[in-house]
Amino acid sequence: MLQHFKIIKERLEKNGYNKLQYLPTRKSLAIGREFYVFKSFFYQKAPCLFHSSRFYRLYHFVFKKRYPRLYGLYRICFINEPIGKDFLLTLFSTDEMNDFIKNGIINCKDGKYSFNFRFVPYEGFFLVAKSDMEGPEYAHVNYDSVTFLEFLRKMHFGRDLARVLEIGCGAGLISIEIAKIADSVDAVDINSHAVKTMDINAKLNNIYNITSFFSDCYDNIKEKYDLIVSDPPFELMPEEGRDVLHRYGGFLGMEIALTIFAGLDQHLTDKGEAVIFTNSYIKNFTTNTLRDALYDMFRDKKLALTLYTLSYQITPEFYPVYRKNNITHSIGYFIHVKRANNFKMDIVPLNFLDEIKEVLRLFYLYILIFFKWLGKERVKF
């Protein structure tokens, strides 16, 4: 299958597919990083793929006018829309098409063809991902992935990383980036399909110092690491969502994250550090559940924790679960952990303008929930 993906990568890159990374692909609820998106789109300075924009439709209209063929590739290779065979034959031969169908890369139904994989250009990388969020083979690259990557770059870990571990590697964007500055990276996931996708993506990008393998958190981990990173599932969902591996975070959305935190003391080297991207669910606007749990877990350990505030959120579709647990909203954190002489915990708040923006976002989401209730629409699980 790797050889087939190499052919697809070559043909897409020949058609300028890397320009797709400057197209915002998410609609926003309010104006957020509009200047960043504008600069990225028109000056092509940095990727804004997966970033959101209030003017999403305008960007797509302009992109389609400037790059009509590339926009067609976006629809079939990124959105995975079905299309007629004639367009695909401008990219691939009949024999290649048949091989793709035989190997499950392309699906053919009622004379229409669609990719079973999403192809993601990001800076110098080309990644294969699974975009069907409800499927067992889901291995993602999404907004959380690129947001986490941007934060990790700001940490400036240097080039003295001998061993790095990523727990929950998904399609592998983070591990592939870190592999550029580390001697070796172990990339693990509880989803065996994600492990295979991680391995394919490493080879597609000519990265050979990553070892990917199955592990439920630390179950198959015996080493110590200079750096441990993870973006675990942290969604607060009904129990029926337990089998949705990429979203279900367990009790109060933090069960999996706490399992990862619990193993840090054992699996970090003497100068080791960790960065975990996760949510804390707030009870009655006051009780910070994850912060309190981390305090109880680490107060007797010689570790320093810094919680960098990212955002405030509500997931409207799961609001009944919020109410059941007295949750009013959640706070997204990047949590940095390192060895120290004594236990210490600090929280870095948002700046004033970002704080206002996030409060307005919460207000907007509560309005949406109110109108769902007013219209007697049930929030679907």
Protein backbone atom coordinates (compact mmCIF):
# COMPACT_ATOMS: atom_id res chain seq x y z
CA MET A 1 0.00 0.00 0.00
CA LEU A 2 2.92 2.36 0.66
CA GLN A 3 3.89 2.27 -3.01
CA HIS A 4 0.36 3.29 -4.00
CA PHE A 5 0.44 6.24 -1.63
CA LYS A 6 3.81 7.29 -3.07
CA ILE A 7 2.21 7.45 -6.53
CA ILE A 8 -0.68 9.55 -5.20
CA LYS A 9 1.72 11.86 -3.38
CA GLU A 10 3.80 12.38 -6.51
CA ARG A 11 0.78 13.18 -8.72
CA LEU A 12 -0.83 15.53 -6.20
CA GLU A 13 2.39 17.43 -5.55
CA LYS A 14 2.91 17.77 -9.30
CA ASN A 15 -0.49 19.49 -9.40
CA GLY A 16 0.46 22.01 -6.68
CA TYR A 17 -1.42 20.23 -3.89
CA ASN A 18 0.78 21.88 -1.24
CA LYS A 19 -1.03 25.19 -1.93
CA LEU A 20 -4.09 23.65 -0.29
CA GLN A 21 -2.54 24.24 3.14
CA TYR A 22 -3.27 27.97 2.79
CA LEU A 23 -7.04 27.39 2.52
CA PRO A 24 -9.00 27.58 5.81
CA THR A 25 -11.23 24.51 5.97
CA ARG A 26 -13.32 25.27 9.06
CA LYS A 27 -16.21 27.64 9.63
CA SER A 28 -15.91 29.72 12.77
CA LEU A 29 -18.54 30.77 15.29
CA ALA A 30 -16.95 34.18 15.65
CA ILE A 31 -14.01 36.18 14.36
CA GLY A 32 -10.88 34.61 15.80
CA ARG A 33 -7.48 34.50 14.13
CA GLU A 34 -8.71 36.33 11.03
CA PHE A 35 -5.51 38.29 10.49
CA TYR A 36 -3.45 35.09 10.65
CA VAL A 37 -5.75 33.39 8.14
CA PHE A 38 -5.78 36.43 5.82
CA LYS A 39 -1.99 36.65 5.81
CA SER A 40 -1.61 32.93 5.26
CA PHE A 41 -4.12 32.80 2.42
CA PHE A 42 -2.93 35.79 0.42
CA TYR A 43 0.79 35.75 1.19
CA GLN A 44 1.23 31.99 1.73
CA LYS A 45 3.56 32.52 4.70
CA ALA A 46 2.23 29.83 7.05
CA PRO A 47 -0.40 27.08 6.83
CA CYS A 48 -3.96 27.84 7.90
CA LEU A 49 -5.37 24.45 6.97
CA PHE A 50 -7.81 23.42 9.76
CA HIS A 51 -7.95 26.98 11.07
CA SER A 52 -11.36 28.61 11.11
CA SER A 53 -12.63 31.78 9.49
CA ARG A 54 -15.79 33.80 9.70
CA PHE A 55 -15.31 34.42 5.96
CA TYR A 56 -14.85 30.74 5.12
CA ARG A 57 -17.07 30.88 2.00
CA LEU A 58 -15.26 33.93 0.62
CA TYR A 59 -11.87 32.23 0.88
CA HIS A 60 -13.23 29.16 -0.88
CA PHE A 61 -14.77 31.27 -3.64
CA VAL A 62 -11.47 33.07 -4.27
CA PHE A 63 -9.44 29.83 -4.09
CA LYS A 64 -11.76 28.13 -6.57
CA LYS A 65 -11.41 31.04 -9.01
CA ARG A 66 -7.61 31.12 -8.72
CA TYR A 67 -7.02 27.36 -8.70
CA PRO A 68 -10.05 25.59 -10.23
CA ARG A 69 -8.30 22.26 -10.78
CA LEU A 70 -6.69 22.32 -7.35
CA TYR A 71 -10.06 23.07 -5.77
CA GLY A 72 -11.38 19.97 -7.53
CA LEU A 73 -8.54 17.98 -5.95
CA TYR A 74 -9.45 19.47 -2.58
CA ARG A 75 -13.00 18.17 -2.93
CA ILE A 76 -12.04 14.62 -3.87
CA CYS A 77 -8.75 14.16 -1.97
CA PHE A 78 -9.44 16.16 1.20
CA ILE A 79 -13.23 16.24 1.53
CA ASN A 80 -13.52 12.76 -0.10
CA GLU A 81 -16.48 13.67 -2.30
CA PRO A 82 -17.40 11.08 -4.98
CA ILE A 83 -16.53 11.97 -8.57
CA GLY A 84 -16.67 10.52 -12.07
CA LYS A 85 -13.84 8.37 -13.39
CA ASP A 86 -12.80 10.83 -16.12
CA PHE A 87 -11.33 13.36 -13.68
CA LEU A 88 -9.29 10.70 -11.85
CA LEU A 89 -7.95 9.40 -15.18
CA THR A 90 -6.28 12.79 -15.66
CA LEU A 91 -4.17 11.88 -12.61
CA PHE A 92 -3.82 8.11 -12.75
CA SER A 93 -3.73 5.36 -15.33
CA THR A 94 -6.48 2.73 -15.58
CA ASP A 95 -4.14 0.10 -14.10
CA GLU A 96 -3.28 2.38 -11.17
CA MET A 97 -6.97 3.05 -10.57
CA ASN A 98 -7.71 -0.67 -10.52
CA ASP A 99 -4.86 -1.23 -8.06
CA PHE A 100 -6.21 1.54 -5.79
CA ILE A 101 -9.66 -0.07 -5.82
CA LYS A 102 -8.23 -3.54 -5.17
CA ASN A 103 -6.25 -2.25 -2.16
CA GLY A 104 -9.14 -0.30 -0.63
CA ILE A 105 -7.71 3.16 -1.35
CA ILE A 106 -10.55 4.09 -3.71
CA ASN A 107 -14.17 3.03 -3.42
CA CYS A 108 -16.40 2.66 -6.49
CA LYS A 109 -20.18 2.81 -6.14
CA ASP A 110 -22.84 3.50 -8.78
CA GLY A 111 -20.24 4.70 -11.26
CA LYS A 112 -18.78 7.22 -8.80
CA TYR A 113 -15.32 7.02 -7.28
CA SER A 114 -14.23 8.29 -3.87
CA PHE A 115 -11.04 8.07 -1.82
CA ASN A 116 -11.19 6.19 1.47
CA PHE A 117 -8.31 8.33 2.74
CA ARG A 118 -7.75 12.05 3.19
CA PHE A 119 -4.48 13.49 1.88
CA VAL A 120 -3.14 16.35 3.99
CA PRO A 121 -0.37 18.75 2.91
CA TYR A 122 1.18 20.57 5.85
CA GLU A 123 4.33 22.61 5.38
CA GLY A 124 6.86 20.16 3.93
CA PHE A 125 4.88 17.08 4.96
CA PHE A 126 2.38 14.96 3.08
CA LEU A 127 0.13 12.88 5.32
CA VAL A 128 -2.42 10.15 4.77
CA ALA A 129 -5.34 10.22 7.22
CA LYS A 130 -8.75 8.66 7.75
CA SER A 131 -11.48 11.28 7.90
CA ASP A 132 -14.50 9.12 8.80
CA MET A 133 -14.76 10.03 12.49
CA GLU A 134 -17.19 7.22 13.26
CA GLY A 135 -15.10 4.48 11.63
CA PRO A 136 -12.73 2.17 13.53
CA GLU A 137 -9.88 3.03 11.16
CA TYR A 138 -9.98 6.72 12.02
CA ALA A 139 -6.46 8.18 12.27
CA HIS A 140 -6.68 11.91 12.38
CA VAL A 141 -4.92 15.10 11.52
CA ASN A 142 -7.15 17.98 12.57
CA TYR A 143 -7.27 21.39 14.25
CA ASP A 144 -6.07 19.98 17.58
CA SER A 145 -3.08 18.39 15.82
CA VAL A 146 -1.84 21.60 14.22
CA THR A 147 -2.63 23.68 17.34
CA PHE A 148 -0.60 21.27 19.47
CA LEU A 149 2.23 21.33 16.94
CA GLU A 150 2.35 25.13 17.00
CA PHE A 151 2.58 25.12 20.80
CA LEU A 152 5.31 22.46 20.91
CA ARG A 153 7.44 24.53 18.54
CA LYS A 154 7.29 27.43 21.01
CA MET A 155 8.76 25.23 23.77
CA HIS A 156 12.21 25.11 22.09
CA PHE A 157 13.26 21.73 23.44
CA GLY A 158 16.59 21.91 21.63
CA ARG A 159 18.38 19.15 19.79
CA ASP A 160 19.49 17.00 22.73
CA LEU A 161 16.43 14.74 22.79
CA ALA A 162 17.63 11.14 22.74
CA ARG A 163 14.26 9.39 23.13
CA VAL A 164 10.75 10.77 22.69
CA LEU A 165 7.37 9.11 23.25
CA GLU A 166 4.05 10.16 21.75
CA ILE A 167 0.98 8.51 23.28
CA GLY A 168 -1.97 8.50 20.88
CA CYS A 169 -0.02 9.25 17.71
CA GLY A 170 -2.99 9.14 15.31
CA ALA A 171 -1.78 9.79 11.76
CA GLY A 172 1.57 10.96 13.11
CA LEU A 173 1.98 14.70 12.45
CA ILE A 174 3.48 15.38 15.90
CA SER A 175 5.86 12.42 15.89
CA ILE A 176 7.08 13.23 12.37
CA GLU A 177 7.79 16.84 13.38
CA ILE A 178 9.60 15.86 16.60
CA ALA A 179 11.63 13.20 14.76
CA LYS A 180 13.52 16.07 13.09
CA ILE A 181 15.17 17.02 16.40
CA ALA A 182 15.20 13.69 18.29
CA ASP A 183 17.43 10.64 17.98
CA SER A 184 14.43 8.32 18.12
CA VAL A 185 10.67 8.54 18.60
CA ASP A 186 8.31 5.85 19.86
CA ALA A 187 4.80 6.53 18.51
CA VAL A 188 2.06 4.46 20.13
CA ASP A 189 -1.71 4.26 19.82
CA ILE A 190 -4.51 2.05 21.11
CA ASN A 191 -5.90 1.98 17.56
CA SER A 192 -3.92 -0.52 15.45
CA HIS A 193 -5.11 1.22 12.25
CA ALA A 194 -3.55 4.47 13.48
CA VAL A 195 -0.26 2.64 14.10
CA LYS A 196 -0.22 1.41 10.49
CA THR A 197 -1.07 4.89 9.20
CA MET A 198 1.69 6.40 11.35
CA ASP A 199 4.20 3.96 9.84
CA ILE A 200 3.09 4.78 6.29
CA ASN A 201 3.32 8.53 6.91
CA ALA A 202 6.80 8.31 8.39
CA LYS A 203 8.05 6.48 5.29
CA LEU A 204 6.15 8.78 2.91
CA ASN A 205 8.04 11.70 4.46
CA ASN A 206 11.41 9.90 4.51
CA ILE A 207 11.52 9.75 8.31
CA TYR A 208 13.20 6.56 9.58
CA ASN A 209 13.85 7.17 13.29
CA ILE A 210 10.22 6.53 14.38
CA THR A 211 9.05 3.20 15.77
CA SER A 212 5.26 2.87 15.82
CA PHE A 213 3.50 0.15 17.80
CA PHE A 214 0.30 -0.70 19.65
CA SER A 215 0.02 0.31 23.30
CA ASP A 216 -2.82 1.28 25.60
CA CYS A 217 -1.05 4.23 27.25
CA TYR A 218 2.02 2.69 28.94
CA ASP A 219 1.04 -0.99 28.71
CA ASN A 220 3.83 -1.83 26.24
CA ILE A 221 6.25 0.89 27.36
CA LYS A 222 9.32 -0.05 29.38
CA GLU A 223 11.74 2.81 28.58
CA LYS A 224 12.35 6.28 30.03
CA TYR A 225 12.09 9.32 27.77
CA ASP A 226 13.48 12.84 27.50
CA LEU A 227 10.12 14.04 26.22
CA ILE A 228 6.61 12.60 26.38
CA VAL A 229 3.80 14.26 24.41
CA SER A 230 0.15 13.40 24.07
CA ASP A 231 -3.13 14.80 22.79
CA PRO A 232 -5.45 12.17 24.33
CA PRO A 233 -9.23 11.88 23.89
CA PHE A 234 -10.86 14.27 26.37
CA GLU A 235 -14.48 14.56 25.27
CA LEU A 236 -17.12 14.41 27.99
CA MET A 237 -19.56 11.98 26.35
CA PRO A 238 -22.35 9.59 27.33
CA GLU A 239 -21.28 6.05 28.25
CA GLU A 240 -22.58 4.98 24.83
CA GLY A 241 -19.58 6.79 23.37
CA ARG A 242 -17.03 4.52 25.07
CA ASP A 243 -16.22 2.71 21.81
CA VAL A 244 -15.45 5.98 20.01
CA LEU A 245 -11.72 5.71 20.74
CA HIS A 246 -10.73 9.07 19.28
CA ARG A 247 -13.22 11.10 21.38
CA TYR A 248 -14.23 9.35 24.59
CA GLY A 249 -12.15 10.69 27.48
CA GLY A 250 -13.68 8.60 30.25
CA PHE A 251 -15.00 9.91 33.58
CA LEU A 252 -15.42 13.71 33.35
CA GLY A 253 -13.44 13.57 30.12
CA MET A 254 -10.13 13.17 31.97
CA GLU A 255 -9.77 9.45 32.72
CA ILE A 256 -7.34 8.76 29.85
CA ALA A 257 -5.39 11.98 30.43
CA LEU A 258 -4.94 11.15 34.13
CA THR A 259 -3.64 7.69 33.22
CA ILE A 260 -0.98 9.37 31.08
CA PHE A 261 -0.10 11.85 33.83
CA ALA A 262 0.15 9.03 36.39
CA GLY A 263 2.92 7.33 34.39
CA LEU A 264 5.10 10.39 33.87
CA ASP A 265 7.16 10.07 37.06
CA GLN A 266 8.08 6.50 36.12
CA HIS A 267 8.78 7.08 32.42
CA LEU A 268 10.57 10.46 32.35
CA THR A 269 14.36 10.65 32.56
CA ASP A 270 15.99 12.79 35.26
CA LYS A 271 15.75 15.86 33.02
CA GLY A 272 12.68 14.68 31.17
CA GLU A 273 9.70 16.85 30.27
CA ALA A 274 6.13 16.20 29.12
CA VAL A 275 3.48 18.22 27.32
CA ILE A 276 -0.14 17.06 27.41
CA PHE A 277 -2.95 18.78 25.50
CA THR A 278 -6.27 18.19 27.24
CA ASN A 279 -9.45 19.67 28.72
CA SER A 280 -10.59 20.38 32.26
CA TYR A 281 -14.34 20.36 32.85
CA ILE A 282 -15.51 23.09 35.20
CA LYS A 283 -18.29 22.40 37.71
CA ASN A 284 -20.65 25.27 38.51
CA PHE A 285 -18.21 27.81 37.00
CA THR A 286 -15.80 27.31 39.94
CA THR A 287 -14.45 23.76 40.43
CA ASN A 288 -11.57 23.00 38.06
CA THR A 289 -11.78 19.20 37.98
CA LEU A 290 -8.52 18.36 36.18
CA ARG A 291 -6.45 20.92 38.08
CA ASP A 292 -7.71 19.54 41.40
CA ALA A 293 -7.07 15.94 40.30
CA LEU A 294 -3.51 16.80 39.24
CA TYR A 295 -2.86 18.52 42.56
CA ASP A 296 -3.95 15.40 44.43
CA MET A 297 -1.87 13.18 42.16
CA PHE A 298 1.40 15.14 42.23
CA ARG A 299 1.51 17.15 45.47
CA ASP A 300 4.00 14.67 47.00
CA LYS A 301 6.10 14.43 43.80
CA LYS A 302 9.09 16.55 42.79
CA LEU A 303 7.46 17.84 39.63
CA ALA A 304 6.55 21.30 38.34
CA LEU A 305 3.35 21.71 36.34
CA THR A 306 2.46 24.72 34.20
CA LEU A 307 -1.05 24.89 32.76
CA TYR A 308 -1.19 27.16 29.70
CA THR A 309 -4.79 28.23 29.06
CA LEU A 310 -5.91 27.84 25.45
CA SER A 311 -9.69 28.21 25.21
CA TYR A 312 -13.12 27.88 26.82
CA GLN A 313 -15.56 25.43 25.28
CA ILE A 314 -18.94 23.73 25.41
CA THR A 315 -19.93 20.83 23.17
CA PRO A 316 -23.64 21.46 22.52
CA GLU A 317 -24.37 17.92 21.33
CA PHE A 318 -23.31 16.54 24.73
CA TYR A 319 -24.89 19.26 26.88
CA PRO A 320 -27.27 16.79 28.64
CA VAL A 321 -24.14 15.03 29.96
CA TYR A 322 -22.79 18.38 31.13
CA ARG A 323 -25.99 19.07 33.08
CA LYS A 324 -25.98 15.61 34.62
CA ASN A 325 -22.48 16.25 36.02
CA ASN A 326 -23.02 19.96 36.90
CA ILE A 327 -20.50 20.98 34.23
CA THR A 328 -20.85 24.53 32.94
CA HIS A 329 -17.96 24.59 30.44
CA SER A 330 -14.46 23.30 29.80
CA ILE A 331 -11.02 24.90 29.61
CA GLY A 332 -8.43 23.69 27.13
CA TYR A 333 -4.88 23.45 28.50
CA PHE A 334 -1.39 22.70 27.28
CA ILE A 335 0.15 21.19 30.41
CA HIS A 336 3.93 21.22 30.73
CA VAL A 337 5.51 18.89 33.30
CA LYS A 338 9.18 18.74 34.32
CA ARG A 339 11.36 17.57 37.21
CA ALA A 340 11.80 20.04 40.07
CA ASN A 341 13.08 20.23 43.65
CA ASN A 342 9.54 20.49 44.99
CA PHE A 343 5.99 20.26 43.72
CA LYS A 344 4.73 23.38 42.01
CA MET A 345 1.67 24.20 39.93
CA ASP A 346 1.12 27.41 37.96
CA ILE A 347 -1.70 28.45 35.63
CA VAL A 348 -0.95 30.87 32.78
CA PRO A 349 -4.21 32.68 31.96
CA LEU A 350 -5.32 34.10 28.63
CA ASN A 351 -4.49 37.70 27.89
CA PHE A 352 -7.32 40.19 28.29
CA LEU A 353 -8.46 40.26 24.65
CA ASP A 354 -8.39 36.46 24.28
CA GLU A 355 -10.29 36.16 27.56
CA ILE A 356 -13.06 38.41 26.20
CA LYS A 357 -13.15 36.44 22.96
CA GLU A 358 -13.49 33.11 24.77
CA VAL A 359 -16.22 34.41 27.10
CA LEU A 360 -18.15 35.64 24.05
CA ARG A 361 -17.72 32.21 22.46
CA LEU A 362 -19.22 30.57 25.56
CA PHE A 363 -22.11 33.04 25.50
CA TYR A 364 -22.74 32.24 21.83
CA LEU A 365 -22.73 28.49 22.48
CA TYR A 366 -25.16 28.88 25.36
CA ILE A 367 -27.49 30.81 23.04
CA LEU A 368 -27.35 27.91 20.57
CA ILE A 369 -28.19 25.46 23.35
CA PHE A 370 -31.06 27.67 24.54
CA PHE A 371 -32.64 27.79 21.08
CA LYS A 372 -32.32 24.01 20.76
CA TRP A 373 -34.21 23.70 24.04
CA LEU A 374 -36.73 26.34 22.99
CA GLY A 375 -37.41 24.47 19.76
CA LYS A 376 -37.71 21.23 21.74
CA GLU A 377 -34.94 19.70 19.68
CA ARG A 378 -33.16 16.90 21.45
CA VAL A 379 -29.39 17.09 21.44
CA LYS A 380 -28.22 13.97 19.71
CA PHE A 381 -25.60 11.79 21.31
